[in-house]
C-alpha atoms as a PDB file:
ATOM      1  CA  UNK A   1     -10.121  13.766 -17.343  1.00  0.00           C
ATOM      2  CA  UNK A   2      -8.594  11.808 -14.607  1.00  0.00           C
ATOM      3  CA  UNK A   3      -7.774   8.021 -14.794  1.00  0.00           C
ATOM      4  CA  UNK A   4      -6.911   5.582 -11.908  1.00  0.00           C
ATOM      5  CA  UNK A   5      -4.530   2.723 -12.428  1.00  0.00           C
ATOM      6  CA  UNK A   6      -4.220  -0.314 -10.237  1.00  0.00           C
ATOM      7  CA  UNK A   7      -0.949  -2.397 -10.467  1.00  0.00           C
ATOM      8  CA  UNK A   8       0.922  -5.182  -8.770  1.00  0.00           C
ATOM      9  CA  UNK A   9       4.600  -5.181  -7.612  1.00  0.00           C
ATOM     10  CA  UNK A  10       6.445  -8.583  -7.126  1.00  0.00           C
ATOM     11  CA  UNK A  11       9.712 -10.314  -7.649  1.00  0.00           C
ATOM     12  CA  UNK A  12      12.997  -8.462  -7.680  1.00  0.00           C
ATOM     13  CA  UNK A  13      11.059  -5.238  -8.354  1.00  0.00           C
ATOM     14  CA  UNK A  14      10.053  -5.269  -4.687  1.00  0.00           C
ATOM     15  CA  UNK A  15      13.543  -3.870  -4.029  1.00  0.00           C
ATOM     16  CA  UNK A  16      12.952  -0.950  -6.225  1.00  0.00           C
ATOM     17  CA  UNK A  17      11.998   2.264  -4.166  1.00  0.00           C
ATOM     18  CA  UNK A  18       8.933   4.415  -4.536  1.00  0.00           C
ATOM     19  CA  UNK A  19      10.652   7.202  -6.308  1.00  0.00           C
ATOM     20  CA  UNK A  20      12.101   5.004  -8.944  1.00  0.00           C
ATOM     21  CA  UNK A  21       8.698   3.354  -9.521  1.00  0.00           C
ATOM     22  CA  UNK A  22       7.315   6.787 -10.104  1.00  0.00           C
ATOM     23  CA  UNK A  23       9.989   7.512 -12.654  1.00  0.00           C
ATOM     24  CA  UNK A  24       9.440   4.122 -14.256  1.00  0.00           C
ATOM     25  CA  UNK A  25       5.745   4.894 -14.805  1.00  0.00           C
ATOM     26  CA  UNK A  26       6.342   8.314 -16.233  1.00  0.00           C
ATOM     27  CA  UNK A  27       8.538   6.721 -18.899  1.00  0.00           C
ATOM     28  CA  UNK A  28       6.100   3.707 -19.432  1.00  0.00           C
ATOM     29  CA  UNK A  29       3.183   6.102 -19.901  1.00  0.00           C
ATOM     30  CA  UNK A  30       5.072   7.802 -22.714  1.00  0.00           C
ATOM     31  CA  UNK A  31       6.084   4.443 -24.282  1.00  0.00           C
ATOM     32  CA  UNK A  32       2.444   3.351 -24.234  1.00  0.00           C
ATOM     33  CA  UNK A  33       1.470   6.429 -26.247  1.00  0.00           C
ATOM     34  CA  UNK A  34      -0.928   7.641 -23.491  1.00  0.00           C
ATOM     35  CA  UNK A  35      -1.912  11.239 -23.984  1.00  0.00           C
ATOM     36  CA  UNK A  36      -1.071  12.378 -20.517  1.00  0.00           C
ATOM     37  CA  UNK A  37      -1.568  16.061 -19.459  1.00  0.00           C
ATOM     38  CA  UNK A  38       1.455  18.195 -18.380  1.00  0.00           C
ATOM     39  CA  UNK A  39       1.607  20.868 -15.836  1.00  0.00           C
ATOM     40  CA  UNK A  40       2.241  24.507 -16.956  1.00  0.00           C
ATOM     41  CA  UNK A  41       5.272  26.647 -16.213  1.00  0.00           C
ATOM     42  CA  UNK A  42       9.071  26.595 -16.689  1.00  0.00           C
ATOM     43  CA  UNK A  43       9.422  22.932 -16.063  1.00  0.00           C
ATOM     44  CA  UNK A  44       6.374  20.963 -17.188  1.00  0.00           C
ATOM     45  CA  UNK A  45       5.868  17.508 -15.653  1.00  0.00           C
ATOM     46  CA  UNK A  46       3.261  14.782 -16.051  1.00  0.00           C
ATOM     47  CA  UNK A  47       0.186  15.282 -13.796  1.00  0.00           C
ATOM     48  CA  UNK A  48       0.350  12.017 -11.857  1.00  0.00           C
ATOM     49  CA  UNK A  49      -0.509  11.182  -8.202  1.00  0.00           C
ATOM     50  CA  UNK A  50       0.546   7.973  -6.466  1.00  0.00           C
ATOM     51  CA  UNK A  51      -1.259   6.415  -3.469  1.00  0.00           C
ATOM     52  CA  UNK A  52       0.415   5.335  -0.257  1.00  0.00           C
ATOM     53  CA  UNK A  53       4.100   4.450  -0.892  1.00  0.00           C
ATOM     54  CA  UNK A  54       5.072   0.747  -0.574  1.00  0.00           C
ATOM     55  CA  UNK A  55       7.938  -0.018   1.648  1.00  0.00           C
ATOM     56  CA  UNK A  56      11.060  -1.396  -0.118  1.00  0.00           C
ATOM     57  CA  UNK A  57      11.139  -5.212   0.028  1.00  0.00           C
ATOM     58  CA  UNK A  58       7.373  -5.626   0.189  1.00  0.00           C
ATOM     59  CA  UNK A  59       5.301  -7.077  -2.633  1.00  0.00           C
ATOM     60  CA  UNK A  60       1.756  -5.936  -3.546  1.00  0.00           C
ATOM     61  CA  UNK A  61      -1.329  -6.562  -5.572  1.00  0.00           C
ATOM     62  CA  UNK A  62      -3.104  -3.225  -4.522  1.00  0.00           C
ATOM     63  CA  UNK A  63      -1.001  -0.426  -5.875  1.00  0.00           C
ATOM     64  CA  UNK A  64      -2.587   2.637  -7.378  1.00  0.00           C
ATOM     65  CA  UNK A  65      -1.763   5.936  -9.162  1.00  0.00           C
ATOM     66  CA  UNK A  66      -3.935   8.615 -10.852  1.00  0.00           C
ATOM     67  CA  UNK A  67      -3.051  10.583 -13.926  1.00  0.00           C
ATOM     68  CA  UNK A  68      -4.738  13.306 -15.937  1.00  0.00           C
ATOM     69  CA  UNK A  69      -5.106  12.668 -19.569  1.00  0.00           C
ATOM     70  CA  UNK A  70      -6.048  15.024 -22.471  1.00  0.00           C
ATOM     71  CA  UNK A  71      -7.679  12.405 -24.518  1.00  0.00           C
ATOM     72  CA  UNK A  72      -9.092   8.891 -23.902  1.00  0.00           C
ATOM     73  CA  UNK A  73     -10.432   5.937 -25.866  1.00  0.00           C
ATOM     74  CA  UNK A  74     -11.564   3.450 -23.248  1.00  0.00           C
ATOM     75  CA  UNK A  75     -10.555   1.698 -20.189  1.00  0.00           C
ATOM     76  CA  UNK A  76      -9.694  -1.548 -21.802  1.00  0.00           C
ATOM     77  CA  UNK A  77      -7.530  -0.034 -24.571  1.00  0.00           C
ATOM     78  CA  UNK A  78      -5.513   1.818 -22.015  1.00  0.00           C
ATOM     79  CA  UNK A  79      -5.114  -1.298 -19.859  1.00  0.00           C
ATOM     80  CA  UNK A  80      -3.843  -3.044 -22.992  1.00  0.00           C
ATOM     81  CA  UNK A  81      -1.397  -0.303 -24.011  1.00  0.00           C
ATOM     82  CA  UNK A  82       0.164  -0.117 -20.483  1.00  0.00           C
ATOM     83  CA  UNK A  83       0.305  -3.877 -20.179  1.00  0.00           C
ATOM     84  CA  UNK A  84       2.358  -4.102 -23.365  1.00  0.00           C
ATOM     85  CA  UNK A  85       5.205  -1.865 -21.952  1.00  0.00           C
ATOM     86  CA  UNK A  86       5.388  -3.300 -18.302  1.00  0.00           C
ATOM     87  CA  UNK A  87       8.490  -5.054 -17.177  1.00  0.00           C
ATOM     88  CA  UNK A  88       8.500  -8.382 -15.337  1.00  0.00           C
ATOM     89  CA  UNK A  89       7.560  -7.652 -11.773  1.00  0.00           C
ATOM     90  CA  UNK A  90       4.798  -4.965 -12.512  1.00  0.00           C
ATOM     91  CA  UNK A  91       1.570  -5.806 -13.911  1.00  0.00           C
ATOM     92  CA  UNK A  92      -1.284  -3.344 -14.625  1.00  0.00           C
ATOM     93  CA  UNK A  93      -4.491  -4.830 -13.225  1.00  0.00           C
ATOM     94  CA  UNK A  94      -7.262  -2.216 -13.748  1.00  0.00           C
ATOM     95  CA  UNK A  95      -7.937   1.222 -15.249  1.00  0.00           C
ATOM     96  CA  UNK A  96     -10.944   3.252 -14.360  1.00  0.00           C
ATOM     97  CA  UNK A  97     -11.982   6.771 -15.299  1.00  0.00           C
ATOM     98  CA  UNK A  98     -12.606   8.771 -12.147  1.00  0.00           C
ATOM     99  CA  UNK A  99     -15.834  10.592 -11.420  1.00  0.00           C
ATOM    100  CA  UNK A 100     -15.691  14.344 -11.256  1.00  0.00           C
ATOM    101  CA  UNK A 101     -14.845  15.494  -7.714  1.00  0.00           C
ATOM    102  CA  UNK A 102     -13.325  12.341  -6.661  1.00  0.00           C
ATOM    103  CA  UNK A 103     -10.162  12.870  -4.527  1.00  0.00           C
ATOM    104  CA  UNK A 104      -6.740  11.805  -5.745  1.00  0.00           C
ATOM    105  CA  UNK A 105      -5.246   8.488  -4.825  1.00  0.00           C
ATOM    106  CA  UNK A 106      -2.914   9.815  -2.209  1.00  0.00           C
ATOM    107  CA  UNK A 107      -5.463  11.884  -0.309  1.00  0.00           C
ATOM    108  CA  UNK A 108      -8.093   9.096  -0.564  1.00  0.00           C
ATOM    109  CA  UNK A 109      -6.226   6.324   1.154  1.00  0.00           C
ATOM    110  CA  UNK A 110      -7.705   5.355   4.501  1.00  0.00           C
ATOM    111  CA  UNK A 111      -6.580   1.794   5.080  1.00  0.00           C
ATOM    112  CA  UNK A 112      -4.559  -1.096   3.658  1.00  0.00           C
ATOM    113  CA  UNK A 113      -4.715  -4.850   4.029  1.00  0.00           C
ATOM    114  CA  UNK A 114      -1.619  -6.995   4.347  1.00  0.00           C
ATOM    115  CA  UNK A 115      -0.579 -10.578   4.656  1.00  0.00           C
ATOM    116  CA  UNK A 116       2.524 -11.089   6.836  1.00  0.00           C
ATOM    117  CA  UNK A 117       4.715 -14.228   6.513  1.00  0.00           C
ATOM    118  CA  UNK A 118       7.743 -15.070   8.522  1.00  0.00           C
ATOM    119  CA  UNK A 119      11.315 -15.513   7.733  1.00  0.00           C
ATOM    120  CA  UNK A 120      12.974 -18.797   8.284  1.00  0.00           C
ATOM    121  CA  UNK A 121      15.486 -16.987  10.519  1.00  0.00           C
ATOM    122  CA  UNK A 122      12.670 -16.250  12.965  1.00  0.00           C
ATOM    123  CA  UNK A 123      11.970 -18.968  15.581  1.00  0.00           C
ATOM    124  CA  UNK A 124       8.293 -18.601  16.390  1.00  0.00           C
ATOM    125  CA  UNK A 125       7.506 -19.327  20.082  1.00  0.00           C
ATOM    126  CA  UNK A 126       4.868 -21.936  21.003  1.00  0.00           C
ATOM    127  CA  UNK A 127       1.314 -20.863  20.780  1.00  0.00           C
ATOM    128  CA  UNK A 128       2.394 -17.664  18.843  1.00  0.00           C
ATOM    129  CA  UNK A 129      -0.883 -17.594  17.074  1.00  0.00           C
ATOM    130  CA  UNK A 130      -2.967 -17.641  20.316  1.00  0.00           C
ATOM    131  CA  UNK A 131      -0.664 -15.043  21.880  1.00  0.00           C
ATOM    132  CA  UNK A 132      -1.168 -12.782  18.813  1.00  0.00           C
ATOM    133  CA  UNK A 133      -5.009 -13.032  18.974  1.00  0.00           C
ATOM    134  CA  UNK A 134      -4.685 -12.181  22.721  1.00  0.00           C
ATOM    135  CA  UNK A 135      -2.483  -9.268  21.888  1.00  0.00           C
ATOM    136  CA  UNK A 136      -5.052  -7.994  19.427  1.00  0.00           C
ATOM    137  CA  UNK A 137      -7.997  -8.437  21.903  1.00  0.00           C
ATOM    138  CA  UNK A 138      -6.489  -6.070  24.428  1.00  0.00           C
ATOM    139  CA  UNK A 139      -8.682  -3.091  25.023  1.00  0.00           C
ATOM    140  CA  UNK A 140      -5.656  -0.697  24.579  1.00  0.00           C
ATOM    141  CA  UNK A 141      -2.129  -1.176  23.088  1.00  0.00           C
ATOM    142  CA  UNK A 142      -0.157   1.809  24.294  1.00  0.00           C
ATOM    143  CA  UNK A 143       2.961   2.355  22.218  1.00  0.00           C
ATOM    144  CA  UNK A 144       5.456   4.993  21.281  1.00  0.00           C
ATOM    145  CA  UNK A 145       5.622   5.742  17.573  1.00  0.00           C
ATOM    146  CA  UNK A 146       8.356   7.610  15.702  1.00  0.00           C
ATOM    147  CA  UNK A 147       7.152  10.425  13.585  1.00  0.00           C
ATOM    148  CA  UNK A 148       8.878  13.158  11.490  1.00  0.00           C
ATOM    149  CA  UNK A 149       8.461  15.449  14.316  1.00  0.00           C
ATOM    150  CA  UNK A 150       9.856  13.070  16.957  1.00  0.00           C
ATOM    151  CA  UNK A 151       7.936  10.659  19.005  1.00  0.00           C
ATOM    152  CA  UNK A 152       4.396  10.330  20.313  1.00  0.00           C
ATOM    153  CA  UNK A 153       2.245   8.014  22.390  1.00  0.00           C
ATOM    154  CA  UNK A 154      -0.493   6.260  20.452  1.00  0.00           C
ATOM    155  CA  UNK A 155      -3.105   3.544  21.145  1.00  0.00           C
ATOM    156  CA  UNK A 156      -2.068   1.007  18.406  1.00  0.00           C
ATOM    157  CA  UNK A 157      -5.350  -0.806  18.966  1.00  0.00           C
ATOM    158  CA  UNK A 158      -7.418   2.072  17.463  1.00  0.00           C
ATOM    159  CA  UNK A 159      -5.339   1.653  14.166  1.00  0.00           C
ATOM    160  CA  UNK A 160      -5.795  -2.114  13.756  1.00  0.00           C
ATOM    161  CA  UNK A 161      -9.190  -2.644  12.204  1.00  0.00           C
ATOM    162  CA  UNK A 162      -8.862  -6.267  11.808  1.00  0.00           C
ATOM    163  CA  UNK A 163      -6.219  -8.951  12.640  1.00  0.00           C
ATOM    164  CA  UNK A 164      -6.409 -12.764  12.208  1.00  0.00           C
ATOM    165  CA  UNK A 165      -4.022 -15.768  11.853  1.00  0.00           C
ATOM    166  CA  UNK A 166      -4.372 -17.564   8.564  1.00  0.00           C
ATOM    167  CA  UNK A 167      -2.219 -20.688   8.719  1.00  0.00           C
ATOM    168  CA  UNK A 168       1.359 -19.597   8.988  1.00  0.00           C
ATOM    169  CA  UNK A 169       0.568 -16.061   8.094  1.00  0.00           C
ATOM    170  CA  UNK A 170      -1.141 -13.085   9.580  1.00  0.00           C
ATOM    171  CA  UNK A 171      -3.719 -11.014   7.910  1.00  0.00           C
ATOM    172  CA  UNK A 172      -4.254  -7.508   9.047  1.00  0.00           C
ATOM    173  CA  UNK A 173      -6.309  -4.452   8.011  1.00  0.00           C
ATOM    174  CA  UNK A 174      -4.734  -1.185   9.461  1.00  0.00           C
ATOM    175  CA  UNK A 175      -5.107   2.534   9.310  1.00  0.00           C
ATOM    176  CA  UNK A 176      -3.146   3.881   6.265  1.00  0.00           C
ATOM    177  CA  UNK A 177      -4.168   7.575   6.398  1.00  0.00           C
ATOM    178  CA  UNK A 178      -1.579  10.300   5.729  1.00  0.00           C
ATOM    179  CA  UNK A 179      -1.606  11.444   9.271  1.00  0.00           C
ATOM    180  CA  UNK A 180      -1.905   8.067  11.056  1.00  0.00           C
ATOM    181  CA  UNK A 181      -0.303   5.547   8.782  1.00  0.00           C
ATOM    182  CA  UNK A 182       0.585   2.231  10.550  1.00  0.00           C
ATOM    183  CA  UNK A 183       2.959  -0.203   8.992  1.00  0.00           C
ATOM    184  CA  UNK A 184       2.358  -3.980   9.383  1.00  0.00           C
ATOM    185  CA  UNK A 185       5.943  -4.484  10.645  1.00  0.00           C
ATOM    186  CA  UNK A 186       5.374  -2.036  13.465  1.00  0.00           C
ATOM    187  CA  UNK A 187       2.309  -4.064  14.669  1.00  0.00           C
ATOM    188  CA  UNK A 188       4.376  -7.285  14.604  1.00  0.00           C
ATOM    189  CA  UNK A 189       7.449  -5.794  16.073  1.00  0.00           C
ATOM    190  CA  UNK A 190       5.233  -4.457  19.087  1.00  0.00           C
ATOM    191  CA  UNK A 191       3.700  -7.885  19.449  1.00  0.00           C
ATOM    192  CA  UNK A 192       6.957  -9.714  19.639  1.00  0.00           C
ATOM    193  CA  UNK A 193       8.392  -7.044  21.859  1.00  0.00           C
ATOM    194  CA  UNK A 194       5.670  -7.722  24.347  1.00  0.00           C
ATOM    195  CA  UNK A 195       6.565 -11.401  24.285  1.00  0.00           C
ATOM    196  CA  UNK A 196      10.314 -10.533  24.802  1.00  0.00           C
ATOM    197  CA  UNK A 197      11.394 -12.164  21.495  1.00  0.00           C
ATOM    198  CA  UNK A 198      14.518 -10.851  19.870  1.00  0.00           C
ATOM    199  CA  UNK A 199      13.929 -10.363  16.141  1.00  0.00           C
ATOM    200  CA  UNK A 200      16.546 -11.363  13.475  1.00  0.00           C
ATOM    201  CA  UNK A 201      17.180  -9.106  10.521  1.00  0.00           C
ATOM    202  CA  UNK A 202      14.407  -8.975   8.031  1.00  0.00           C
ATOM    203  CA  UNK A 203      11.947 -11.250  10.017  1.00  0.00           C
ATOM    204  CA  UNK A 204       8.866 -10.616   8.011  1.00  0.00           C
ATOM    205  CA  UNK A 205       7.713 -10.999   4.339  1.00  0.00           C
ATOM    206  CA  UNK A 206       4.994  -8.577   3.844  1.00  0.00           C
ATOM    207  CA  UNK A 207       2.354  -8.418   0.907  1.00  0.00           C
ATOM    208  CA  UNK A 208      -0.122  -5.765   0.448  1.00  0.00           C
ATOM    209  CA  UNK A 209      -3.447  -7.149  -0.672  1.00  0.00           C
ATOM    210  CA  UNK A 210      -5.463  -4.094  -1.109  1.00  0.00           C
ATOM    211  CA  UNK A 211      -5.544  -0.243  -0.527  1.00  0.00           C
ATOM    212  CA  UNK A 212      -8.964   1.251   0.591  1.00  0.00           C
ATOM    213  CA  UNK A 213     -10.740   4.593   0.724  1.00  0.00           C
ATOM    214  CA  UNK A 214     -13.594   5.293   3.051  1.00  0.00           C
ATOM    215  CA  UNK A 215     -17.035   6.081   1.524  1.00  0.00           C
ATOM    216  CA  UNK A 216     -19.378   8.741   3.039  1.00  0.00           C
ATOM    217  CA  UNK A 217     -21.117   5.971   4.898  1.00  0.00           C
ATOM    218  CA  UNK A 218     -17.888   4.933   6.638  1.00  0.00           C
ATOM    219  CA  UNK A 219     -17.463   1.729   4.573  1.00  0.00           C
ATOM    220  CA  UNK A 220     -13.958   0.904   3.350  1.00  0.00           C
ATOM    221  CA  UNK A 221     -13.892   0.072  -0.327  1.00  0.00           C
ATOM    222  CA  UNK A 222     -10.845  -0.381  -2.705  1.00  0.00           C
ATOM    223  CA  UNK A 223      -9.569   2.630  -4.508  1.00  0.00           C
ATOM    224  CA  UNK A 224     -11.098   1.156  -7.605  1.00  0.00           C
ATOM    225  CA  UNK A 225     -14.394  -0.136  -6.158  1.00  0.00           C
END
């Protein structure tokens, strides 16, 4: 039986990397007494799969992982057990049994929504908000993106599904698929680069609002719908 868990990450824990978060949950699941399944072979390990890794320094209320369990009481009981062993900075928000045949969290990710705030070190140019909307409304945004295999030219506009200014912050919904993942800071760096603005170190504060999968009808829905 597979179970999907949604959690948040905030405070000083935002500086803990993805690999350490994985190790933390492996220990937390054991402390919570969850009857998790283990792989077979010489070195058994917990059967657990995390969704799209969160960059160090970002906060989130839309993180997910799947795990296979050998026995299960109910979703509320597991939510309570996990909640009792969480440290400050990580909250378990939802637990749901997965339907048979549903893809794992990592393979299911199609998009992610973010809220971007600005560091006090960044002096925003006048009318930056209007300039940002004009940037988004371009028909094409040709950029060079670094990949594991080198560099490639892409049309960034195709990977930005929604972008809007919300007060002093920027909301964006972007492609987060395994082969075409776009980071929100890359979008903002491209925008400020077109304006000719030199960015200070750590210019953005980024918060992931939600992680989405794509239904058969093309609609984006949260990994726990």
